[in-house]
Protein backbone atom coordinates (compact mmCIF):
# COMPACT_ATOMS: atom_id res chain seq x y z
CA MET A 1 0.00 0.00 0.00
CA ILE A 2 2.87 2.39 0.78
CA ASP A 3 4.74 1.39 -2.38
CA GLU A 4 1.66 2.42 -4.38
CA ALA A 5 1.26 5.73 -2.55
CA GLU A 6 1.30 8.73 -4.89
CA TRP A 7 3.87 10.54 -2.74
CA PHE A 8 6.11 7.58 -1.88
CA GLU A 9 9.70 8.67 -2.48
CA PRO A 10 12.14 5.75 -2.81
CA ALA A 11 15.11 8.13 -3.20
CA MET A 12 14.71 9.17 0.44
CA ALA A 13 15.35 5.58 1.56
CA GLY A 14 18.86 5.73 0.15
CA MET A 15 20.04 8.74 2.16
CA SER A 16 23.28 8.36 4.10
CA GLY A 17 23.39 8.27 7.87
CA GLU A 18 24.76 11.82 7.82
CA ALA A 19 21.66 13.26 6.17
CA PRO A 20 19.01 14.94 8.37
CA VAL A 21 16.12 12.68 9.35
CA PRO A 22 13.12 13.39 7.09
CA ARG A 23 10.16 14.75 8.99
CA ALA A 24 7.11 16.97 8.64
CA GLN A 25 8.11 20.01 10.65
CA VAL A 26 4.71 21.61 9.97
CA ALA A 27 1.61 19.42 10.31
CA GLY A 28 -2.00 20.50 9.95
CA PRO A 29 -4.44 17.65 10.66
CA ASP A 30 -8.13 18.27 9.98
CA LEU A 31 -10.25 17.76 13.09
CA VAL A 32 -14.02 17.43 13.26
CA ARG A 33 -16.39 17.43 16.23
CA ALA A 34 -18.91 14.63 16.12
CA PRO A 35 -22.49 14.89 17.51
CA ASN A 36 -21.36 13.16 20.73
CA ALA A 37 -18.83 16.04 21.21
CA GLU A 38 -15.84 13.77 20.49
CA TRP A 39 -13.02 15.28 18.43
CA LEU A 40 -11.88 13.04 15.56
CA VAL A 41 -9.06 13.28 13.01
CA LEU A 42 -10.63 13.39 9.56
CA GLU A 43 -7.39 13.65 7.54
CA ASP A 44 -3.67 14.14 8.07
CA ASN A 45 -1.77 16.90 6.26
CA LEU A 46 2.00 16.48 6.44
CA ARG A 47 3.15 17.33 2.92
CA ALA A 48 2.54 21.09 2.72
CA PRO A 49 -0.37 22.10 4.99
CA SER A 50 -1.52 25.68 4.45
CA GLY A 51 -3.42 28.17 6.56
CA LEU A 52 -1.16 29.32 9.39
CA THR A 53 -0.81 32.81 7.94
CA PHE A 54 -4.58 32.87 7.36
CA ALA A 55 -5.01 32.21 11.07
CA LEU A 56 -2.67 35.10 11.84
CA ALA A 57 -4.57 37.40 9.46
CA ALA A 58 -7.93 36.38 10.95
CA ARG A 59 -6.59 37.15 14.43
CA GLU A 60 -5.39 40.58 13.32
CA ALA A 61 -8.83 41.34 11.89
CA MET A 62 -10.46 40.35 15.20
CA VAL A 63 -8.31 42.55 17.48
CA PRO A 64 -11.09 45.15 18.03
CA MET A 65 -13.57 42.39 18.87
CA ILE A 66 -11.14 40.83 21.34
CA ALA A 67 -10.55 44.20 23.00
CA SER A 68 -14.29 44.83 23.44
CA SER A 69 -15.08 41.29 24.61
CA GLY A 70 -13.08 41.47 27.83
CA LEU A 71 -11.65 38.03 27.02
CA ALA A 72 -7.99 37.16 26.59
CA PRO A 73 -7.43 34.43 24.00
CA ARG A 74 -3.93 33.02 23.94
CA ARG A 75 -1.63 34.84 21.54
CA LEU A 76 -0.67 33.42 18.16
CA ALA A 77 2.55 35.44 17.82
CA PRO A 78 4.73 32.82 19.58
CA ALA A 79 3.99 30.50 16.65
CA LEU A 80 6.26 32.55 14.38
CA ALA A 81 9.23 32.29 16.73
CA ALA A 82 8.57 28.56 17.09
CA LEU A 83 8.37 28.11 13.31
CA GLU A 84 11.65 29.96 12.81
CA ARG A 85 13.29 27.82 15.52
CA ILE A 86 11.97 24.58 14.10
CA LEU A 87 12.91 25.39 10.50
CA ALA A 88 16.44 26.24 11.68
CA SER A 89 16.62 22.89 13.48
CA ALA A 90 16.36 21.14 10.10
CA ALA A 91 19.82 22.46 9.15
CA PRO A 92 22.76 20.07 8.86
CA GLU A 93 24.71 19.61 12.07
CA GLY A 94 27.17 22.33 12.99
CA ILE A 95 25.45 25.25 11.23
CA GLU A 96 24.49 27.84 13.86
CA HIS A 97 22.83 30.45 11.64
CA PRO A 98 21.40 28.56 8.68
CA ARG A 99 20.22 30.25 5.51
CA ILE A 100 16.55 29.23 5.16
CA VAL A 101 14.74 29.55 1.81
CA LEU A 102 11.04 28.95 1.14
CA LEU A 103 10.53 26.95 -2.05
CA SER A 104 7.35 27.95 -3.92
CA ASP A 105 5.67 27.26 -7.24
CA GLY A 106 5.35 31.04 -7.60
CA PRO A 107 2.28 33.18 -8.32
CA ALA A 108 0.42 30.24 -9.92
CA SER A 109 0.24 28.51 -6.52
CA SER A 110 -3.08 28.79 -4.67
CA ALA A 111 -1.06 29.33 -1.46
CA PHE A 112 1.24 32.01 -2.89
CA TYR A 113 -0.09 34.67 -0.50
CA GLU A 114 0.94 32.46 2.39
CA HIS A 115 4.39 31.83 0.90
CA CYS A 116 5.01 35.58 0.54
CA GLU A 117 3.67 36.31 4.02
CA PHE A 118 5.91 33.70 5.65
CA CYS A 119 8.92 35.17 3.89
CA ARG A 120 7.94 38.67 5.02
CA VAL A 121 7.43 37.85 8.71
CA LEU A 122 10.36 35.42 8.98
CA GLY A 123 12.72 37.53 6.90
CA ILE A 124 13.69 34.69 4.56
CA PRO A 125 13.93 34.65 0.76
CA LEU A 126 11.37 32.99 -1.51
CA ALA A 127 12.54 31.01 -4.52
CA THR A 128 11.05 28.90 -7.28
CA PRO A 129 12.95 25.83 -8.51
CA GLU A 130 14.15 27.90 -11.49
CA GLU A 131 15.94 30.28 -9.10
CA LEU A 132 17.99 27.49 -7.52
CA ARG A 133 20.93 25.58 -8.91
CA ARG A 134 23.15 22.78 -7.68
CA ASP A 135 26.91 22.90 -7.59
CA GLY A 136 28.03 19.38 -6.73
CA GLU A 137 26.74 18.64 -3.23
CA ARG A 138 25.57 22.19 -2.47
CA LEU A 139 22.28 23.86 -3.30
CA LEU A 140 22.71 27.53 -4.28
CA LEU A 141 20.30 30.47 -4.51
CA GLU A 142 21.13 32.26 -7.76
CA SER A 143 19.14 35.39 -6.91
CA ASP A 144 21.31 35.86 -3.81
CA GLY A 145 24.66 35.67 -5.55
CA ASP A 146 24.83 31.87 -5.49
CA ALA A 147 24.60 31.85 -1.68
CA PRO A 148 24.50 28.29 -0.30
CA VAL A 149 21.12 27.11 1.06
CA ASP A 150 21.13 25.23 4.36
CA VAL A 151 17.38 24.65 4.85
CA LEU A 152 14.65 24.52 2.24
CA TYR A 153 11.08 24.96 3.52
CA ARG A 154 9.34 23.00 0.78
CA ARG A 155 5.96 24.45 -0.23
CA VAL A 156 5.72 23.28 -3.85
CA ASP A 157 2.65 21.22 -4.76
CA ASP A 158 4.71 18.36 -6.21
CA GLU A 159 7.37 16.96 -3.90
CA ARG A 160 8.55 14.10 -6.11
CA LEU A 161 12.30 13.64 -6.51
CA THR A 162 11.99 10.83 -9.06
CA ARG A 163 9.60 9.98 -11.88
CA SER A 164 7.93 6.59 -12.31
CA ASP A 165 10.86 5.47 -14.49
CA GLY A 166 13.30 6.23 -11.66
CA GLU A 167 14.84 9.28 -13.37
CA PRO A 168 15.14 12.46 -11.27
CA THR A 169 12.61 15.26 -11.64
CA GLN A 170 13.68 18.92 -11.77
CA LEU A 171 13.40 18.94 -7.97
CA GLY A 172 15.33 15.70 -7.74
CA GLU A 173 18.18 17.11 -9.82
CA LEU A 174 18.44 19.94 -7.30
CA LEU A 175 17.97 18.07 -4.02
CA ILE A 176 19.03 14.42 -4.15
CA GLU A 177 22.80 14.98 -4.01
CA PRO A 178 22.75 17.72 -1.30
CA LEU A 179 20.34 15.64 0.79
CA SER A 180 22.47 12.50 0.37
CA ALA A 181 25.63 14.43 1.27
CA GLY A 182 24.03 15.94 4.37
CA THR A 183 24.66 19.54 3.24
CA LEU A 184 20.97 20.42 3.03
CA GLY A 185 17.93 20.02 5.26
CA VAL A 186 14.41 20.08 3.83
CA ALA A 187 11.50 20.97 6.09
CA ASN A 188 8.48 18.85 5.23
CA SER A 189 10.84 16.74 3.22
CA PRO A 190 9.95 14.68 0.15
CA GLY A 191 8.13 11.52 1.16
CA THR A 192 6.12 13.11 3.98
CA GLY A 193 3.14 13.00 1.62
CA ILE A 194 2.80 9.30 2.45
CA GLY A 195 1.05 10.55 5.59
CA ASP A 196 -1.43 12.49 3.42
CA ASP A 197 -2.36 9.39 1.44
CA LYS A 198 -5.94 8.70 2.46
CA ALA A 199 -5.40 4.95 2.21
CA VAL A 200 -2.79 5.25 4.97
CA HIS A 201 -5.24 7.02 7.28
CA PRO A 202 -7.24 3.89 8.32
CA TYR A 203 -4.00 2.41 9.67
CA VAL A 204 -2.72 5.40 11.68
CA GLU A 205 -4.15 4.27 15.02
CA ARG A 206 -2.51 0.86 14.59
CA MET A 207 0.80 2.53 13.64
CA ILE A 208 0.69 4.68 16.78
CA GLU A 209 0.12 1.59 18.90
CA LEU A 210 2.84 -0.41 17.11
CA TYR A 211 5.60 2.19 16.89
CA LEU A 212 4.93 4.27 20.00
CA GLY A 213 3.29 1.73 22.29
CA GLU A 214 0.54 4.26 23.02
CA SER A 215 -3.18 4.59 22.44
CA PRO A 216 -4.06 7.63 20.33
CA LEU A 217 -5.57 10.52 22.28
CA LEU A 218 -7.58 11.59 19.23
CA ARG A 219 -9.23 8.79 17.31
CA SER A 220 -9.43 8.77 13.53
CA VAL A 221 -12.72 8.82 11.66
CA PRO A 222 -13.20 5.10 10.85
CA GLY A 223 -12.44 4.26 7.24
CA TYR A 224 -11.80 1.54 4.68
CA ASP A 225 -8.77 0.95 2.46
CA LEU A 226 -10.69 -0.18 -0.63
CA GLY A 227 -7.53 -1.61 -2.18
CA GLU A 228 -7.63 -4.36 0.47
CA PRO A 229 -10.07 -7.10 -0.70
CA ASP A 230 -11.66 -7.83 2.69
CA GLN A 231 -12.26 -4.16 3.41
CA LEU A 232 -13.62 -3.62 -0.11
CA ALA A 233 -16.07 -6.50 0.30
CA GLU A 234 -17.30 -5.02 3.59
CA ALA A 235 -17.61 -1.46 2.29
CA LEU A 236 -18.99 -2.03 -1.23
CA PRO A 237 -22.64 -2.63 -0.26
CA ARG A 238 -22.45 0.37 2.11
CA LEU A 239 -20.93 2.92 -0.28
CA PRO A 240 -24.19 4.93 -0.62
CA GLU A 241 -24.00 5.67 3.11
CA LEU A 242 -20.24 6.36 3.24
CA VAL A 243 -17.93 9.19 2.10
CA ILE A 244 -15.91 8.12 -0.96
CA LYS A 245 -12.51 9.79 -1.46
CA PRO A 246 -9.67 9.42 -3.97
CA ARG A 247 -6.45 8.35 -2.27
CA SER A 248 -4.16 11.03 -3.62
CA GLU A 249 -6.25 14.16 -4.20
CA PHE A 250 -6.36 17.04 -1.73
CA GLY A 251 -8.40 20.18 -1.11
CA GLY A 252 -11.70 18.29 -1.15
CA SER A 253 -11.31 17.34 -4.82
CA GLY A 254 -13.17 14.23 -6.00
CA VAL A 255 -15.02 13.62 -2.72
CA THR A 256 -18.51 12.08 -2.90
CA ILE A 257 -20.61 12.25 0.29
CA GLY A 258 -22.91 9.25 -0.17
CA PRO A 259 -25.89 10.38 1.95
CA LEU A 260 -25.94 13.80 0.19
CA ALA A 261 -25.11 12.67 -3.34
CA SER A 262 -27.55 12.35 -6.22
CA ALA A 263 -28.21 8.95 -7.80
CA GLU A 264 -26.03 9.93 -10.78
CA GLU A 265 -23.15 11.08 -8.55
CA LEU A 266 -23.29 7.85 -6.56
CA GLU A 267 -23.41 5.68 -9.67
CA ARG A 268 -20.36 7.42 -11.08
CA ALA A 269 -18.38 7.19 -7.82
CA ILE A 270 -19.20 3.51 -7.28
CA GLY A 271 -18.25 2.78 -10.89
CA LEU A 272 -14.84 4.41 -10.37
CA VAL A 273 -14.31 2.36 -7.20
CA ARG A 274 -15.14 -0.88 -9.01
CA GLU A 275 -12.71 0.01 -11.84
CA ALA A 276 -9.72 0.71 -9.57
CA PRO A 277 -10.50 0.08 -5.89
CA ASN A 278 -6.84 0.61 -4.88
CA ARG A 279 -7.20 4.30 -5.82
CA TRP A 280 -10.09 4.94 -3.44
CA VAL A 281 -10.98 4.94 0.25
CA ALA A 282 -14.26 5.24 2.13
CA GLN A 283 -14.99 6.83 5.50
CA GLU A 284 -17.90 6.78 7.88
CA PRO A 285 -19.81 10.08 7.54
CA VAL A 286 -19.57 12.53 10.43
CA ALA A 287 -22.26 15.17 10.98
CA LEU A 288 -19.92 18.14 11.32
CA SER A 289 -20.72 20.68 13.99
CA VAL A 290 -22.08 24.06 12.90
CA HIS A 291 -21.10 27.60 13.84
CA PRO A 292 -22.99 30.91 13.52
CA THR A 293 -21.79 32.56 10.33
CA VAL A 294 -22.67 35.91 8.76
CA VAL A 295 -24.52 35.26 5.48
CA ASP A 296 -26.04 38.22 3.63
CA GLY A 297 -26.12 40.25 6.82
CA LYS A 298 -27.72 37.55 9.02
CA LEU A 299 -26.41 34.76 11.22
CA GLU A 300 -26.90 31.25 9.85
CA GLY A 301 -25.36 27.91 10.80
CA ARG A 302 -22.55 26.61 8.61
CA HIS A 303 -20.60 23.39 8.99
CA VAL A 304 -17.03 23.74 10.29
CA ASP A 305 -13.87 21.80 10.94
CA LEU A 306 -10.66 22.83 12.71
CA ARG A 307 -7.13 22.81 11.38
CA PRO A 308 -4.63 23.12 14.24
CA PHE A 309 -0.94 23.56 13.48
CA VAL A 310 1.70 21.35 15.05
CA LEU A 311 5.35 22.39 14.65
CA SER A 312 7.91 19.76 15.53
CA SER A 313 11.61 19.02 15.53
CA ALA A 314 13.68 16.33 17.19
CA GLU A 315 13.88 18.57 20.27
CA GLU A 316 10.37 19.99 20.66
CA THR A 317 6.72 19.87 19.66
CA PHE A 318 4.85 23.18 19.58
CA VAL A 319 1.07 23.36 19.11
CA VAL A 320 -0.15 26.79 18.01
CA SER A 321 -2.60 28.22 20.57
CA GLY A 322 -5.44 28.46 18.11
CA GLY A 323 -5.80 27.33 14.55
CA LEU A 324 -8.04 27.83 11.57
CA THR A 325 -11.76 27.13 11.86
CA ARG A 326 -12.84 26.48 8.28
CA PHE A 327 -16.48 26.83 7.24
CA ALA A 328 -18.55 25.83 4.22
CA ARG A 329 -20.15 28.72 2.32
CA ASP A 330 -23.43 27.04 1.41
CA GLU A 331 -26.12 25.76 3.73
CA GLY A 332 -25.81 22.02 4.34
CA ASP A 333 -22.47 21.80 2.51
CA MET A 334 -20.03 19.47 4.29
CA VAL A 335 -16.86 20.33 2.30
CA VAL A 336 -15.09 23.22 4.02
CA ASN A 337 -11.81 23.39 2.05
CA SER A 338 -10.84 26.82 0.75
CA GLY A 339 -10.19 25.21 -2.63
CA GLN A 340 -13.92 24.39 -2.73
CA GLY A 341 -14.98 27.90 -1.72
CA GLY A 342 -14.82 27.55 2.06
CA GLY A 343 -13.95 30.42 4.38
CA ALA A 344 -12.03 30.76 7.64
CA LYS A 345 -12.58 32.06 11.16
CA ASP A 346 -10.32 33.12 13.99
CA THR A 347 -10.13 30.50 16.74
CA TRP A 348 -9.77 31.49 20.39
CA ILE A 349 -8.28 29.35 23.15
CA LEU A 350 -8.88 30.99 26.53
């Protein structure tokens, strides 16, 4: 199942012992609150989760409301210092003041605002792959006089280092040798997208128990890996009452919510599952909680989820004291992703 994952990166398995350990320094799981008030993990986002700067912008917009409320939500500002610290920790050993560069797809990226904002508040340069070059085992930033790069905060949509034929991609040509030599650290390194694969999600609780010897504090929304014959046989007759998702898409793309879908939408989704079950998963539906939302000048209920942000290194784990409450624009809509038109709210922790 991992070998077939869209974001599996075999080149990372061949790194030398001197190379930094790959990890997702910035994680943004999607949490939902079920009708029984239990918080559940709907999806994991380890590859390039977005939204932290949106949370900061939403907080800035709410400052007058906070002042008039008499309440004192915990501050979000410490998250920036923690992010800077944790990105620096990805540097190769012995580098005290690493040069950190944010790698972006440029203006065409849907998260380009966030990329620019991170660079502004952290005081780091932004670069596209075209603005980088490799000189042997060092990655260089051409727009900064060929200055060597110590840490790359990877925010490109495609993290692959190798193509299906094993040949390096443009990113692979730049990164494989510096990573192998241990001269470069990559935050949210290639291969972390395995954790975003929705077919991996049904196994996360078992992985926590196996590798950590712990029971998860937040349970996952129960799901089925439809590429596994026994799970497919159990789920197939129930697909009209389940949520059907493609393994490798993100941003809510391709999702069919069985109980809300039309007969035509269900027929199409079930047909795609039958054609290639290993490319699909199914989850139990969760009736997302609702939150009062201003719609055309009035308050109406809209479904929400919560994206917290977890920043981690080998030395520390920092959970931002807030997060992004994401809401669906239309009444009854259960897909809250911004890519599907969803909005965002400030989130207070008192």
